[in-house]
Amino acid sequence: MLQKSLLKRVILLVAVALSLTACDSKTTNTVPAANESATTQSSPLPAKTGFEADLDYIRKGGYTYIWVFSRKDGTPLDKEDAAFLRSNAPQVVDWVTTDEGRKVIAGTNFNLAEGNLGLIKKRFTAEDYTGR
């Protein structure tokens, strides 16, 4: 008899404990009262895409200098263009082709003005994005 009573109490305690843990105040759906204001959740910022995302990638690399090169005629860069840039700016650590192949972003810790930047500018449009 004592065992049945003890068993009933244990079952009752387990049931109460389960019912208490099943109620989570964070998940209850309540409508704010008239004098309470509903909190509005801000929507997340849209993810950057294309050129801006690629530029952010290079910026996060911690480079001292960031340059963007494109062909003067605005057409996509080809293999010869890529080879020219790599051979005349060997100090560039990261190259990211962007804007549907029309631009390349370069990240480096070397001041290209002390290198072949003048030669590169004869063939390409060069934009200094350092500090932007």
C-alpha atoms as a PDB file:
ATOM      1  CA  MET A   1       0.000   0.000   0.000  1.00  0.00           C
ATOM      2  CA  LEU A   2       2.828   2.343   0.882  1.00  0.00           C
ATOM      3  CA  GLN A   3       4.538   1.542  -2.393  1.00  0.00           C
ATOM      4  CA  LYS A   4       1.414   2.405  -4.430  1.00  0.00           C
ATOM      5  CA  SER A   5       1.104   5.726  -2.637  1.00  0.00           C
ATOM      6  CA  LEU A   6       4.774   6.490  -3.231  1.00  0.00           C
ATOM      7  CA  LEU A   7       4.482   5.463  -6.884  1.00  0.00           C
ATOM      8  CA  LYS A   8       1.460   7.731  -7.365  1.00  0.00           C
ATOM      9  CA  ARG A   9       3.341  10.679  -5.845  1.00  0.00           C
ATOM     10  CA  VAL A  10       6.370  10.117  -8.083  1.00  0.00           C
ATOM     11  CA  ILE A  11       4.152   9.928 -11.166  1.00  0.00           C
ATOM     12  CA  LEU A  12       2.326  13.081 -10.085  1.00  0.00           C
ATOM     13  CA  LEU A  13       5.626  14.942  -9.550  1.00  0.00           C
ATOM     14  CA  VAL A  14       6.951  13.838 -12.937  1.00  0.00           C
ATOM     15  CA  ALA A  15       3.722  14.938 -14.628  1.00  0.00           C
ATOM     16  CA  VAL A  16       3.836  18.346 -12.925  1.00  0.00           C
ATOM     17  CA  ALA A  17       7.505  18.786 -13.815  1.00  0.00           C
ATOM     18  CA  LEU A  18       6.872  17.912 -17.463  1.00  0.00           C
ATOM     19  CA  SER A  19       3.927  20.272 -17.722  1.00  0.00           C
ATOM     20  CA  LEU A  20       5.960  23.123 -16.220  1.00  0.00           C
ATOM     21  CA  THR A  21       8.884  22.630 -18.559  1.00  0.00           C
ATOM     22  CA  ALA A  22       6.602  22.334 -21.569  1.00  0.00           C
ATOM     23  CA  CYS A  23       5.304  25.884 -21.036  1.00  0.00           C
ATOM     24  CA  ASP A  24       7.803  28.330 -22.464  1.00  0.00           C
ATOM     25  CA  SER A  25       6.797  31.958 -22.034  1.00  0.00           C
ATOM     26  CA  LYS A  26       8.789  32.959 -25.128  1.00  0.00           C
ATOM     27  CA  THR A  27       6.636  30.930 -27.453  1.00  0.00           C
ATOM     28  CA  THR A  28       3.227  31.995 -26.256  1.00  0.00           C
ATOM     29  CA  ASN A  29       1.264  34.054 -28.718  1.00  0.00           C
ATOM     30  CA  THR A  30      -0.219  37.078 -27.038  1.00  0.00           C
ATOM     31  CA  VAL A  31      -1.779  40.144 -28.524  1.00  0.00           C
ATOM     32  CA  PRO A  32      -0.570  43.386 -26.918  1.00  0.00           C
ATOM     33  CA  ALA A  33      -3.164  45.238 -24.904  1.00  0.00           C
ATOM     34  CA  ALA A  34      -4.470  48.543 -26.212  1.00  0.00           C
ATOM     35  CA  ASN A  35      -2.084  50.532 -24.018  1.00  0.00           C
ATOM     36  CA  GLU A  36       0.946  48.413 -24.985  1.00  0.00           C
ATOM     37  CA  SER A  37       2.794  49.021 -28.218  1.00  0.00           C
ATOM     38  CA  ALA A  38       3.784  46.113 -30.386  1.00  0.00           C
ATOM     39  CA  THR A  39       7.510  45.942 -30.974  1.00  0.00           C
ATOM     40  CA  THR A  40       8.486  46.063 -34.594  1.00  0.00           C
ATOM     41  CA  GLN A  41      11.342  43.922 -35.720  1.00  0.00           C
ATOM     42  CA  SER A  42      13.693  45.511 -38.152  1.00  0.00           C
ATOM     43  CA  SER A  43      14.320  43.538 -41.264  1.00  0.00           C
ATOM     44  CA  PRO A  44      17.923  42.501 -41.849  1.00  0.00           C
ATOM     45  CA  LEU A  45      19.971  44.570 -44.227  1.00  0.00           C
ATOM     46  CA  PRO A  46      19.984  43.122 -47.712  1.00  0.00           C
ATOM     47  CA  ALA A  47      23.069  41.111 -48.479  1.00  0.00           C
ATOM     48  CA  LYS A  48      25.582  42.865 -50.662  1.00  0.00           C
ATOM     49  CA  THR A  49      26.022  41.354 -54.066  1.00  0.00           C
ATOM     50  CA  GLY A  50      28.268  41.782 -57.062  1.00  0.00           C
ATOM     51  CA  PHE A  51      30.902  44.482 -56.941  1.00  0.00           C
ATOM     52  CA  GLU A  52      30.100  45.620 -53.376  1.00  0.00           C
ATOM     53  CA  ALA A  53      30.336  42.073 -51.999  1.00  0.00           C
ATOM     54  CA  ASP A  54      33.627  41.475 -53.805  1.00  0.00           C
ATOM     55  CA  LEU A  55      34.997  44.794 -52.580  1.00  0.00           C
ATOM     56  CA  ASP A  56      34.029  43.879 -49.005  1.00  0.00           C
ATOM     57  CA  TYR A  57      35.853  40.567 -49.412  1.00  0.00           C
ATOM     58  CA  ILE A  58      39.073  42.389 -50.314  1.00  0.00           C
ATOM     59  CA  ARG A  59      38.569  44.982 -47.563  1.00  0.00           C
ATOM     60  CA  LYS A  60      38.261  42.216 -44.972  1.00  0.00           C
ATOM     61  CA  GLY A  61      41.659  40.961 -46.123  1.00  0.00           C
ATOM     62  CA  GLY A  62      43.255  43.879 -44.275  1.00  0.00           C
ATOM     63  CA  TYR A  63      45.253  45.145 -47.230  1.00  0.00           C
ATOM     64  CA  THR A  64      46.894  48.557 -47.151  1.00  0.00           C
ATOM     65  CA  TYR A  65      45.997  49.327 -50.776  1.00  0.00           C
ATOM     66  CA  ILE A  66      42.950  48.419 -52.829  1.00  0.00           C
ATOM     67  CA  TRP A  67      42.801  49.072 -56.567  1.00  0.00           C
ATOM     68  CA  VAL A  68      40.081  48.425 -59.139  1.00  0.00           C
ATOM     69  CA  PHE A  69      41.177  47.910 -62.736  1.00  0.00           C
ATOM     70  CA  SER A  70      38.993  47.798 -65.841  1.00  0.00           C
ATOM     71  CA  ARG A  71      39.493  48.054 -69.566  1.00  0.00           C
ATOM     72  CA  LYS A  72      39.181  51.553 -70.971  1.00  0.00           C
ATOM     73  CA  ASP A  73      36.618  50.349 -73.504  1.00  0.00           C
ATOM     74  CA  GLY A  74      34.443  48.810 -70.756  1.00  0.00           C
ATOM     75  CA  THR A  75      34.500  45.294 -72.186  1.00  0.00           C
ATOM     76  CA  PRO A  76      35.238  42.236 -70.026  1.00  0.00           C
ATOM     77  CA  LEU A  77      38.847  41.465 -69.218  1.00  0.00           C
ATOM     78  CA  ASP A  78      40.371  38.575 -71.163  1.00  0.00           C
ATOM     79  CA  LYS A  79      43.254  36.179 -70.445  1.00  0.00           C
ATOM     80  CA  GLU A  80      45.809  38.574 -71.931  1.00  0.00           C
ATOM     81  CA  ASP A  81      44.565  41.380 -69.671  1.00  0.00           C
ATOM     82  CA  ALA A  82      44.817  39.135 -66.621  1.00  0.00           C
ATOM     83  CA  ALA A  83      48.341  38.044 -67.569  1.00  0.00           C
ATOM     84  CA  PHE A  84      49.390  41.689 -68.105  1.00  0.00           C
ATOM     85  CA  LEU A  85      48.052  42.752 -64.706  1.00  0.00           C
ATOM     86  CA  ARG A  86      49.641  39.825 -62.874  1.00  0.00           C
ATOM     87  CA  SER A  87      53.027  40.328 -64.493  1.00  0.00           C
ATOM     88  CA  ASN A  88      53.058  44.104 -63.928  1.00  0.00           C
ATOM     89  CA  ALA A  89      51.682  44.010 -60.384  1.00  0.00           C
ATOM     90  CA  PRO A  90      53.234  40.868 -58.874  1.00  0.00           C
ATOM     91  CA  GLN A  91      52.923  42.403 -55.395  1.00  0.00           C
ATOM     92  CA  VAL A  92      49.123  42.004 -55.440  1.00  0.00           C
ATOM     93  CA  VAL A  93      48.077  39.254 -53.050  1.00  0.00           C
ATOM     94  CA  ASP A  94      44.370  38.945 -53.923  1.00  0.00           C
ATOM     95  CA  TRP A  95      42.658  39.411 -57.275  1.00  0.00           C
ATOM     96  CA  VAL A  96      38.857  39.241 -57.530  1.00  0.00           C
ATOM     97  CA  THR A  97      37.164  39.465 -60.901  1.00  0.00           C
ATOM     98  CA  THR A  98      33.798  41.195 -60.594  1.00  0.00           C
ATOM     99  CA  ASP A  99      31.104  43.142 -62.433  1.00  0.00           C
ATOM    100  CA  GLU A 100      30.534  40.364 -64.979  1.00  0.00           C
ATOM    101  CA  GLY A 101      34.242  40.199 -65.765  1.00  0.00           C
ATOM    102  CA  ARG A 102      34.574  43.918 -66.513  1.00  0.00           C
ATOM    103  CA  LYS A 103      36.560  44.782 -63.379  1.00  0.00           C
ATOM    104  CA  VAL A 104      39.169  43.217 -61.188  1.00  0.00           C
ATOM    105  CA  ILE A 105      39.761  44.249 -57.571  1.00  0.00           C
ATOM    106  CA  ALA A 106      43.318  44.011 -56.284  1.00  0.00           C
ATOM    107  CA  GLY A 107      44.400  43.845 -52.645  1.00  0.00           C
ATOM    108  CA  THR A 108      48.027  44.508 -51.729  1.00  0.00           C
ATOM    109  CA  ASN A 109      50.279  45.895 -49.021  1.00  0.00           C
ATOM    110  CA  PHE A 110      52.642  47.353 -51.614  1.00  0.00           C
ATOM    111  CA  ASN A 111      52.184  50.866 -52.981  1.00  0.00           C
ATOM    112  CA  LEU A 112      51.674  50.181 -56.693  1.00  0.00           C
ATOM    113  CA  ALA A 113      52.594  53.805 -57.444  1.00  0.00           C
ATOM    114  CA  GLU A 114      56.159  52.788 -56.570  1.00  0.00           C
ATOM    115  CA  GLY A 115      55.920  49.937 -59.070  1.00  0.00           C
ATOM    116  CA  ASN A 116      54.371  49.684 -62.529  1.00  0.00           C
ATOM    117  CA  LEU A 117      51.157  51.607 -61.893  1.00  0.00           C
ATOM    118  CA  GLY A 118      52.023  54.128 -64.637  1.00  0.00           C
ATOM    119  CA  LEU A 119      52.394  51.326 -67.172  1.00  0.00           C
ATOM    120  CA  ILE A 120      49.142  49.712 -66.015  1.00  0.00           C
ATOM    121  CA  LYS A 121      47.287  53.031 -66.333  1.00  0.00           C
ATOM    122  CA  LYS A 122      48.293  53.283 -70.016  1.00  0.00           C
ATOM    123  CA  ARG A 123      46.217  50.196 -70.750  1.00  0.00           C
ATOM    124  CA  PHE A 124      43.564  50.161 -67.994  1.00  0.00           C
ATOM    125  CA  THR A 125      41.388  52.494 -65.966  1.00  0.00           C
ATOM    126  CA  ALA A 126      42.774  52.332 -62.433  1.00  0.00           C
ATOM    127  CA  GLU A 127      40.691  53.433 -59.455  1.00  0.00           C
ATOM    128  CA  ASP A 128      42.238  53.758 -56.020  1.00  0.00           C
ATOM    129  CA  TYR A 129      39.780  52.353 -53.441  1.00  0.00           C
ATOM    130  CA  THR A 130      42.249  52.625 -50.586  1.00  0.00           C
ATOM    131  CA  GLY A 131      40.484  54.149 -47.593  1.00  0.00           C
ATOM    132  CA  ARG A 132      37.058  54.229 -49.278  1.00  0.00           C
END
